[in-house]
Amino acid sequence: MKRRSFLKAAAGVAPMIVPRRVFSQAGRPGANDRLKVGLIGFGGRARFLMQYIGDEVAEGDLVAVADCYLPRTMGIDPGGRSTPLSDQASKWAKYQYFQKMFEKEKLDAVFIETTCHARVWCAIHALQAGLDVYAEKPISLTVEEGRALVNAT
């Protein structure tokens, strides 16, 4: 078989081999159009949000989680019991330091679900890394923190 005839035959078969989720459709972005999302802080509020967003965040995929208490990222509560999220947790990259997550993962956006006093610090690092940020209120505790956050954008 000549190379040219092989390539023609392979071109006709290729769409049957590639999964349908790779190609974009109306209401469903393609694989290259999906956002890679990270989560900083995996405490109570983040676990509450995870019930609604799961592994898929609108037009993106949750790919990494960072929390200073590493067992929490495994889907284990501080008492050592497994939670309903422990099944999903096996799919995520887990980090104790969010800066390492920024270095190793090629994220597009990040959810920041830390305590109020740490939220601005994490948001500034995320903005400096070029990420889009979702953080719940209060995003800052003082006017000075808010100004620092605005200056970081």
N, C-alpha and C. Protein backbone atom coordinates (compact mmCIF):
# COMPACT_ATOMS: atom_id res chain seq x y z
N MET A 1 0.84 -1.17 0.00
CA MET A 1 0.00 0.00 0.00
C MET A 1 0.90 1.24 0.00
N LYS A 2 0.55 2.18 -0.85
CA LYS A 2 1.32 3.41 -0.92
C LYS A 2 0.93 4.34 0.22
N ARG A 3 1.85 5.23 0.57
CA ARG A 3 1.63 6.14 1.68
C ARG A 3 0.42 7.04 1.44
N ARG A 4 0.26 7.54 0.24
CA ARG A 4 -0.84 8.44 -0.07
C ARG A 4 -2.19 7.76 0.09
N SER A 5 -2.32 6.53 -0.38
CA SER A 5 -3.60 5.82 -0.25
C SER A 5 -3.87 5.47 1.22
N PHE A 6 -2.80 5.20 1.98
CA PHE A 6 -2.98 4.93 3.41
C PHE A 6 -3.51 6.16 4.12
N LEU A 7 -2.95 7.34 3.82
CA LEU A 7 -3.39 8.57 4.47
C LEU A 7 -4.84 8.91 4.12
N LYS A 8 -5.24 8.65 2.88
CA LYS A 8 -6.64 8.89 2.49
C LYS A 8 -7.57 7.98 3.28
N ALA A 9 -7.18 6.72 3.43
CA ALA A 9 -8.01 5.77 4.19
C ALA A 9 -8.05 6.16 5.65
N ALA A 10 -6.92 6.59 6.22
CA ALA A 10 -6.86 6.97 7.63
C ALA A 10 -7.69 8.22 7.89
N ALA A 11 -7.70 9.16 6.95
CA ALA A 11 -8.48 10.38 7.11
C ALA A 11 -9.98 10.07 7.17
N GLY A 12 -10.41 9.07 6.48
CA GLY A 12 -11.82 8.69 6.51
C GLY A 12 -12.21 7.99 7.80
N VAL A 13 -11.26 7.32 8.44
CA VAL A 13 -11.54 6.57 9.67
C VAL A 13 -11.35 7.43 10.91
N ALA A 14 -10.52 8.44 10.87
CA ALA A 14 -10.16 9.24 12.05
C ALA A 14 -11.37 9.77 12.81
N PRO A 15 -12.41 10.32 12.18
CA PRO A 15 -13.54 10.82 12.96
C PRO A 15 -14.26 9.71 13.76
N MET A 16 -14.12 8.47 13.36
CA MET A 16 -14.76 7.39 14.09
C MET A 16 -13.95 7.01 15.33
N ILE A 17 -12.68 7.32 15.35
CA ILE A 17 -11.81 6.96 16.46
C ILE A 17 -11.82 8.03 17.54
N VAL A 18 -11.89 9.29 17.18
CA VAL A 18 -11.83 10.39 18.14
C VAL A 18 -13.17 10.48 18.89
N PRO A 19 -13.14 10.56 20.23
CA PRO A 19 -14.38 10.66 20.99
C PRO A 19 -15.16 11.92 20.65
N ARG A 20 -16.47 11.84 20.76
CA ARG A 20 -17.33 12.95 20.38
C ARG A 20 -17.13 14.16 21.29
N ARG A 21 -16.73 13.96 22.56
CA ARG A 21 -16.57 15.08 23.48
C ARG A 21 -15.42 16.01 23.08
N VAL A 22 -14.54 15.55 22.20
CA VAL A 22 -13.43 16.37 21.74
C VAL A 22 -13.92 17.48 20.81
N PHE A 23 -14.93 17.19 20.02
CA PHE A 23 -15.46 18.16 19.08
C PHE A 23 -16.49 19.06 19.76
N SER A 24 -16.44 20.34 19.46
CA SER A 24 -17.39 21.25 20.07
C SER A 24 -18.76 21.12 19.40
N GLN A 25 -19.78 21.37 20.19
CA GLN A 25 -21.16 21.34 19.73
C GLN A 25 -21.87 22.53 20.35
N ALA A 26 -23.06 22.81 19.92
CA ALA A 26 -23.83 23.90 20.51
C ALA A 26 -24.07 23.58 21.98
N GLY A 27 -23.65 24.49 22.86
CA GLY A 27 -23.83 24.30 24.29
C GLY A 27 -22.78 23.40 24.94
N ARG A 28 -21.86 22.88 24.17
CA ARG A 28 -20.81 21.99 24.72
C ARG A 28 -19.49 22.34 24.04
N PRO A 29 -18.61 23.06 24.74
CA PRO A 29 -17.34 23.45 24.13
C PRO A 29 -16.44 22.25 23.88
N GLY A 30 -15.55 22.38 22.93
CA GLY A 30 -14.61 21.31 22.62
C GLY A 30 -13.53 21.19 23.68
N ALA A 31 -12.70 20.18 23.56
CA ALA A 31 -11.67 19.90 24.57
C ALA A 31 -10.70 21.07 24.73
N ASN A 32 -10.34 21.72 23.65
CA ASN A 32 -9.41 22.85 23.75
C ASN A 32 -10.08 24.11 24.25
N ASP A 33 -11.40 24.17 24.23
CA ASP A 33 -12.12 25.35 24.68
C ASP A 33 -12.51 25.28 26.15
N ARG A 34 -12.33 24.15 26.79
CA ARG A 34 -12.72 23.99 28.20
C ARG A 34 -11.66 24.61 29.10
N LEU A 35 -12.12 25.24 30.17
CA LEU A 35 -11.23 25.87 31.14
C LEU A 35 -10.71 24.84 32.13
N LYS A 36 -9.46 25.00 32.54
CA LYS A 36 -8.90 24.20 33.62
C LYS A 36 -9.00 25.05 34.88
N VAL A 37 -9.72 24.54 35.86
CA VAL A 37 -10.02 25.30 37.06
C VAL A 37 -9.37 24.64 38.27
N GLY A 38 -8.83 25.47 39.17
CA GLY A 38 -8.28 25.00 40.43
C GLY A 38 -9.10 25.54 41.58
N LEU A 39 -8.96 24.94 42.74
CA LEU A 39 -9.70 25.36 43.93
C LEU A 39 -8.70 25.53 45.07
N ILE A 40 -8.74 26.70 45.71
CA ILE A 40 -7.88 26.96 46.86
C ILE A 40 -8.75 26.99 48.10
N GLY A 41 -8.44 26.15 49.07
CA GLY A 41 -9.22 26.06 50.30
C GLY A 41 -10.34 25.06 50.11
N PHE A 42 -10.31 23.99 50.89
CA PHE A 42 -11.30 22.93 50.70
C PHE A 42 -12.08 22.69 51.99
N GLY A 43 -12.42 23.78 52.67
CA GLY A 43 -13.17 23.69 53.92
C GLY A 43 -14.66 23.61 53.69
N GLY A 44 -15.42 24.08 54.66
CA GLY A 44 -16.87 23.95 54.65
C GLY A 44 -17.56 24.58 53.45
N ARG A 45 -17.24 25.83 53.13
CA ARG A 45 -17.92 26.51 52.02
C ARG A 45 -17.56 25.86 50.68
N ALA A 46 -16.32 25.48 50.50
CA ALA A 46 -15.92 24.83 49.25
C ALA A 46 -16.63 23.50 49.08
N ARG A 47 -16.76 22.76 50.16
CA ARG A 47 -17.47 21.48 50.07
C ARG A 47 -18.95 21.70 49.74
N PHE A 48 -19.52 22.77 50.26
CA PHE A 48 -20.90 23.10 49.94
C PHE A 48 -21.04 23.40 48.45
N LEU A 49 -20.13 24.20 47.91
CA LEU A 49 -20.17 24.53 46.49
C LEU A 49 -19.93 23.31 45.61
N MET A 50 -19.08 22.39 46.07
CA MET A 50 -18.77 21.20 45.28
C MET A 50 -19.99 20.31 45.06
N GLN A 51 -20.98 20.40 45.94
CA GLN A 51 -22.20 19.62 45.74
C GLN A 51 -22.90 20.06 44.46
N TYR A 52 -22.71 21.32 44.08
CA TYR A 52 -23.41 21.87 42.92
C TYR A 52 -22.56 21.88 41.67
N ILE A 53 -21.24 22.05 41.81
CA ILE A 53 -20.43 22.14 40.60
C ILE A 53 -19.75 20.84 40.25
N GLY A 54 -19.50 19.97 41.20
CA GLY A 54 -18.90 18.67 40.91
C GLY A 54 -17.58 18.81 40.19
N ASP A 55 -17.30 17.91 39.26
CA ASP A 55 -16.05 17.94 38.50
C ASP A 55 -16.12 18.92 37.35
N GLU A 56 -17.32 19.26 36.90
CA GLU A 56 -17.45 20.15 35.76
C GLU A 56 -17.95 21.51 36.22
N VAL A 57 -17.18 22.53 35.95
CA VAL A 57 -17.50 23.89 36.33
C VAL A 57 -17.91 24.64 35.07
N ALA A 58 -19.21 24.78 34.84
CA ALA A 58 -19.74 25.46 33.64
C ALA A 58 -19.05 24.93 32.39
N GLU A 59 -18.12 25.70 31.83
CA GLU A 59 -17.40 25.28 30.63
C GLU A 59 -15.97 24.89 30.96
N GLY A 60 -15.78 24.26 32.10
CA GLY A 60 -14.44 23.88 32.51
C GLY A 60 -14.43 22.62 33.35
N ASP A 61 -13.25 22.21 33.69
CA ASP A 61 -13.05 21.01 34.50
C ASP A 61 -12.23 21.36 35.72
N LEU A 62 -12.65 20.87 36.87
CA LEU A 62 -11.86 21.04 38.08
C LEU A 62 -10.71 20.03 38.02
N VAL A 63 -9.48 20.53 37.98
CA VAL A 63 -8.34 19.65 37.79
C VAL A 63 -7.41 19.60 39.00
N ALA A 64 -7.46 20.60 39.90
CA ALA A 64 -6.53 20.62 41.02
C ALA A 64 -7.16 21.30 42.23
N VAL A 65 -6.75 20.84 43.41
CA VAL A 65 -7.24 21.38 44.67
C VAL A 65 -6.05 21.64 45.56
N ALA A 66 -6.05 22.80 46.26
CA ALA A 66 -4.99 23.12 47.21
C ALA A 66 -5.60 23.47 48.55
N ASP A 67 -5.06 22.90 49.61
CA ASP A 67 -5.48 23.23 50.97
C ASP A 67 -4.30 22.98 51.89
N CYS A 68 -4.15 23.85 52.89
CA CYS A 68 -3.00 23.69 53.79
C CYS A 68 -3.12 22.42 54.63
N TYR A 69 -4.34 21.93 54.84
CA TYR A 69 -4.54 20.66 55.54
C TYR A 69 -4.76 19.59 54.48
N LEU A 70 -3.69 18.93 54.08
CA LEU A 70 -3.70 18.03 52.93
C LEU A 70 -4.74 16.91 53.00
N PRO A 71 -4.99 16.26 54.15
CA PRO A 71 -6.01 15.20 54.16
C PRO A 71 -7.40 15.68 53.72
N ARG A 72 -7.68 16.97 53.89
CA ARG A 72 -8.98 17.50 53.47
C ARG A 72 -9.14 17.41 51.95
N THR A 73 -8.05 17.55 51.20
CA THR A 73 -8.13 17.45 49.74
C THR A 73 -8.39 16.03 49.28
N MET A 74 -8.17 15.07 50.14
CA MET A 74 -8.42 13.66 49.80
C MET A 74 -9.88 13.29 50.02
N GLY A 75 -10.69 14.25 50.49
CA GLY A 75 -12.09 13.95 50.78
C GLY A 75 -12.26 13.37 52.17
N ILE A 76 -11.35 13.71 53.08
CA ILE A 76 -11.42 13.21 54.45
C ILE A 76 -11.64 14.41 55.37
N ASP A 77 -12.61 14.32 56.27
CA ASP A 77 -12.85 15.43 57.19
C ASP A 77 -11.85 15.36 58.35
N PRO A 78 -11.75 16.44 59.17
CA PRO A 78 -10.77 16.44 60.25
C PRO A 78 -10.93 15.29 61.24
N GLY A 79 -12.10 14.69 61.34
CA GLY A 79 -12.31 13.56 62.22
C GLY A 79 -11.81 12.24 61.63
N GLY A 80 -11.31 12.27 60.38
CA GLY A 80 -10.77 11.07 59.74
C GLY A 80 -11.80 10.28 58.96
N ARG A 81 -13.03 10.78 58.87
CA ARG A 81 -14.08 10.06 58.14
C ARG A 81 -14.09 10.50 56.68
N SER A 82 -14.41 9.56 55.79
CA SER A 82 -14.55 9.89 54.37
C SER A 82 -15.82 10.68 54.17
N THR A 83 -15.82 11.52 53.16
CA THR A 83 -16.99 12.33 52.83
C THR A 83 -17.49 11.91 51.45
N PRO A 84 -18.68 12.38 51.04
CA PRO A 84 -19.17 12.05 49.69
C PRO A 84 -18.24 12.53 48.57
N LEU A 85 -17.38 13.50 48.86
CA LEU A 85 -16.47 14.01 47.84
C LEU A 85 -15.24 13.15 47.65
N SER A 86 -15.05 12.14 48.50
CA SER A 86 -13.84 11.32 48.39
C SER A 86 -13.78 10.57 47.06
N ASP A 87 -14.92 10.26 46.45
CA ASP A 87 -14.91 9.61 45.14
C ASP A 87 -14.39 10.55 44.06
N GLN A 88 -14.83 11.82 44.11
CA GLN A 88 -14.38 12.80 43.13
C GLN A 88 -12.93 13.18 43.36
N ALA A 89 -12.50 13.17 44.63
CA ALA A 89 -11.16 13.64 44.98
C ALA A 89 -10.05 12.85 44.31
N SER A 90 -10.31 11.62 43.92
CA SER A 90 -9.25 10.82 43.28
C SER A 90 -8.88 11.37 41.90
N LYS A 91 -9.73 12.21 41.30
CA LYS A 91 -9.49 12.72 39.96
C LYS A 91 -8.64 14.00 39.95
N TRP A 92 -8.49 14.65 41.10
CA TRP A 92 -7.82 15.95 41.16
C TRP A 92 -6.37 15.81 41.56
N ALA A 93 -5.56 16.74 41.04
CA ALA A 93 -4.20 16.87 41.57
C ALA A 93 -4.34 17.61 42.90
N LYS A 94 -3.57 17.18 43.90
CA LYS A 94 -3.72 17.73 45.24
C LYS A 94 -2.43 18.42 45.67
N TYR A 95 -2.57 19.60 46.24
CA TYR A 95 -1.42 20.39 46.67
C TYR A 95 -1.67 20.95 48.06
N GLN A 96 -0.58 21.05 48.83
CA GLN A 96 -0.68 21.69 50.13
C GLN A 96 -0.44 23.20 49.99
N TYR A 97 0.31 23.58 48.98
CA TYR A 97 0.62 24.99 48.75
C TYR A 97 0.07 25.40 47.38
N PHE A 98 -0.75 26.44 47.38
CA PHE A 98 -1.39 26.84 46.12
C PHE A 98 -0.38 27.37 45.12
N GLN A 99 0.77 27.90 45.59
CA GLN A 99 1.79 28.38 44.65
C GLN A 99 2.34 27.22 43.82
N LYS A 100 2.49 26.05 44.43
CA LYS A 100 2.94 24.86 43.68
C LYS A 100 1.90 24.47 42.64
N MET A 101 0.62 24.62 42.98
CA MET A 101 -0.45 24.31 42.03
C MET A 101 -0.35 25.24 40.83
N PHE A 102 -0.08 26.52 41.06
CA PHE A 102 0.06 27.47 39.96
C PHE A 102 1.25 27.11 39.08
N GLU A 103 2.35 26.64 39.68
CA GLU A 103 3.54 26.31 38.92
C GLU A 103 3.35 25.06 38.06
N LYS A 104 2.71 24.03 38.62
CA LYS A 104 2.65 22.73 37.95
C LYS A 104 1.44 22.56 37.04
N GLU A 105 0.33 23.16 37.38
CA GLU A 105 -0.88 23.03 36.57
C GLU A 105 -0.99 24.23 35.63
N LYS A 106 -1.50 24.02 34.46
CA LYS A 106 -1.74 25.11 33.52
C LYS A 106 -3.19 25.53 33.65
N LEU A 107 -3.48 26.26 34.72
CA LEU A 107 -4.85 26.65 35.04
C LEU A 107 -5.27 27.89 34.27
N ASP A 108 -6.58 28.00 34.05
CA ASP A 108 -7.16 29.19 33.45
C ASP A 108 -7.85 30.05 34.51
N ALA A 109 -8.39 29.41 35.53
CA ALA A 109 -9.14 30.12 36.57
C ALA A 109 -8.99 29.38 37.89
N VAL A 110 -9.35 30.09 38.96
CA VAL A 110 -9.25 29.49 40.29
C VAL A 110 -10.41 29.98 41.16
N PHE A 111 -10.98 29.07 41.94
CA PHE A 111 -11.95 29.40 42.98
C PHE A 111 -11.16 29.58 44.27
N ILE A 112 -11.38 30.67 44.98
CA ILE A 112 -10.69 30.88 46.26
C ILE A 112 -11.73 30.79 47.36
N GLU A 113 -11.65 29.73 48.14
CA GLU A 113 -12.62 29.48 49.21
C GLU A 113 -11.89 29.36 50.55
N THR A 114 -10.98 30.30 50.80
CA THR A 114 -10.23 30.30 52.05
C THR A 114 -10.97 31.13 53.09
N THR A 115 -10.37 31.24 54.27
CA THR A 115 -10.93 32.12 55.29
C THR A 115 -10.73 33.56 54.86
N CYS A 116 -11.48 34.47 55.46
CA CYS A 116 -11.48 35.87 55.03
C CYS A 116 -10.11 36.52 55.10
N HIS A 117 -9.34 36.20 56.13
CA HIS A 117 -8.04 36.89 56.28
C HIS A 117 -7.00 36.43 55.27
N ALA A 118 -7.20 35.31 54.60
CA ALA A 118 -6.22 34.82 53.62
C ALA A 118 -6.66 35.03 52.18
N ARG A 119 -7.89 35.44 51.97
CA ARG A 119 -8.46 35.49 50.63
C ARG A 119 -7.74 36.48 49.71
N VAL A 120 -7.42 37.67 50.20
CA VAL A 120 -6.78 38.68 49.36
C VAL A 120 -5.38 38.22 48.95
N TRP A 121 -4.64 37.64 49.89
CA TRP A 121 -3.29 37.17 49.60
C TRP A 121 -3.31 36.13 48.49
N CYS A 122 -4.24 35.16 48.58
CA CYS A 122 -4.35 34.13 47.54
C CYS A 122 -4.78 34.74 46.21
N ALA A 123 -5.71 35.69 46.27
CA ALA A 123 -6.21 36.32 45.05
C ALA A 123 -5.12 37.11 44.35
N ILE A 124 -4.29 37.81 45.11
CA ILE A 124 -3.20 38.58 44.50
C ILE A 124 -2.23 37.65 43.79
N HIS A 125 -1.88 36.54 44.44
CA HIS A 125 -0.97 35.57 43.80
C HIS A 125 -1.60 34.99 42.54
N ALA A 126 -2.89 34.70 42.58
CA ALA A 126 -3.58 34.15 41.41
C ALA A 126 -3.61 35.16 40.27
N LEU A 127 -3.91 36.42 40.58
CA LEU A 127 -3.93 37.45 39.54
C LEU A 127 -2.55 37.66 38.94
N GLN A 128 -1.52 37.63 39.79
CA GLN A 128 -0.16 37.79 39.28
C GLN A 128 0.25 36.60 38.41
N ALA A 129 -0.37 35.45 38.64
CA ALA A 129 -0.10 34.27 37.80
C ALA A 129 -0.92 34.30 36.51
N GLY A 130 -1.76 35.32 36.34
CA GLY A 130 -2.54 35.46 35.11
C GLY A 130 -3.83 34.66 35.10
N LEU A 131 -4.35 34.31 36.27
CA LEU A 131 -5.56 33.51 36.36
C LEU A 131 -6.79 34.38 36.58
N ASP A 132 -7.94 33.90 36.11
CA ASP A 132 -9.20 34.51 36.48
C ASP A 132 -9.55 34.00 37.87
N VAL A 133 -10.19 34.85 38.68
CA VAL A 133 -10.43 34.53 40.08
C VAL A 133 -11.91 34.63 40.42
N TYR A 134 -12.41 33.62 41.14
CA TYR A 134 -13.73 33.67 41.75
C TYR A 134 -13.51 33.62 43.25
N ALA A 135 -13.95 34.64 43.96
CA ALA A 135 -13.85 34.66 45.41
C ALA A 135 -15.14 35.23 45.96
N GLU A 136 -15.62 34.65 47.03
CA GLU A 136 -16.87 35.13 47.62
C GLU A 136 -16.62 36.27 48.59
N LYS A 137 -17.66 36.99 48.90
CA LYS A 137 -17.53 38.12 49.80
C LYS A 137 -17.41 37.66 51.24
N PRO A 138 -16.81 38.41 52.09
CA PRO A 138 -16.05 39.62 51.78
C PRO A 138 -14.72 39.26 51.16
N ILE A 139 -14.43 39.89 50.05
CA ILE A 139 -13.17 39.57 49.38
C ILE A 139 -12.00 40.20 50.12
N SER A 140 -12.24 41.30 50.80
CA SER A 140 -11.18 41.91 51.63
C SER A 140 -11.81 42.40 52.92
N LEU A 141 -10.98 42.49 53.96
CA LEU A 141 -11.47 42.92 55.26
C LEU A 141 -11.28 44.41 55.49
N THR A 142 -10.34 45.01 54.79
CA THR A 142 -10.08 46.44 54.96
C THR A 142 -10.01 47.11 53.59
N VAL A 143 -10.10 48.43 53.62
CA VAL A 143 -9.99 49.19 52.37
C VAL A 143 -8.60 49.03 51.77
N GLU A 144 -7.57 48.99 52.63
CA GLU A 144 -6.20 48.84 52.14
C GLU A 144 -6.02 47.52 51.40
N GLU A 145 -6.59 46.44 51.93
CA GLU A 145 -6.52 45.15 51.24
C GLU A 145 -7.22 45.23 49.90
N GLY A 146 -8.38 45.88 49.86
CA GLY A 146 -9.10 46.04 48.61
C GLY A 146 -8.31 46.82 47.58
N ARG A 147 -7.64 47.88 48.03
CA ARG A 147 -6.80 48.67 47.12
C ARG A 147 -5.63 47.83 46.58
N ALA A 148 -5.02 47.04 47.46
CA ALA A 148 -3.92 46.18 47.03
C ALA A 148 -4.40 45.18 45.99
N LEU A 149 -5.60 44.66 46.18
CA LEU A 149 -6.17 43.71 45.23
C LEU A 149 -6.44 44.38 43.88
N VAL A 150 -6.99 45.57 43.90
CA VAL A 150 -7.25 46.29 42.66
C VAL A 150 -5.95 46.61 41.94
N ASN A 151 -4.92 46.99 42.69
CA ASN A 151 -3.61 47.31 42.08
C ASN A 151 -2.94 46.08 41.50
N ALA A 152 -3.29 44.89 41.99
CA ALA A 152 -2.69 43.66 41.49
C ALA A 152 -3.26 43.24 40.14
N THR A 153 -4.41 43.77 39.76
CA THR A 153 -5.04 43.36 38.50
C THR A 153 -4.45 44.04 37.30
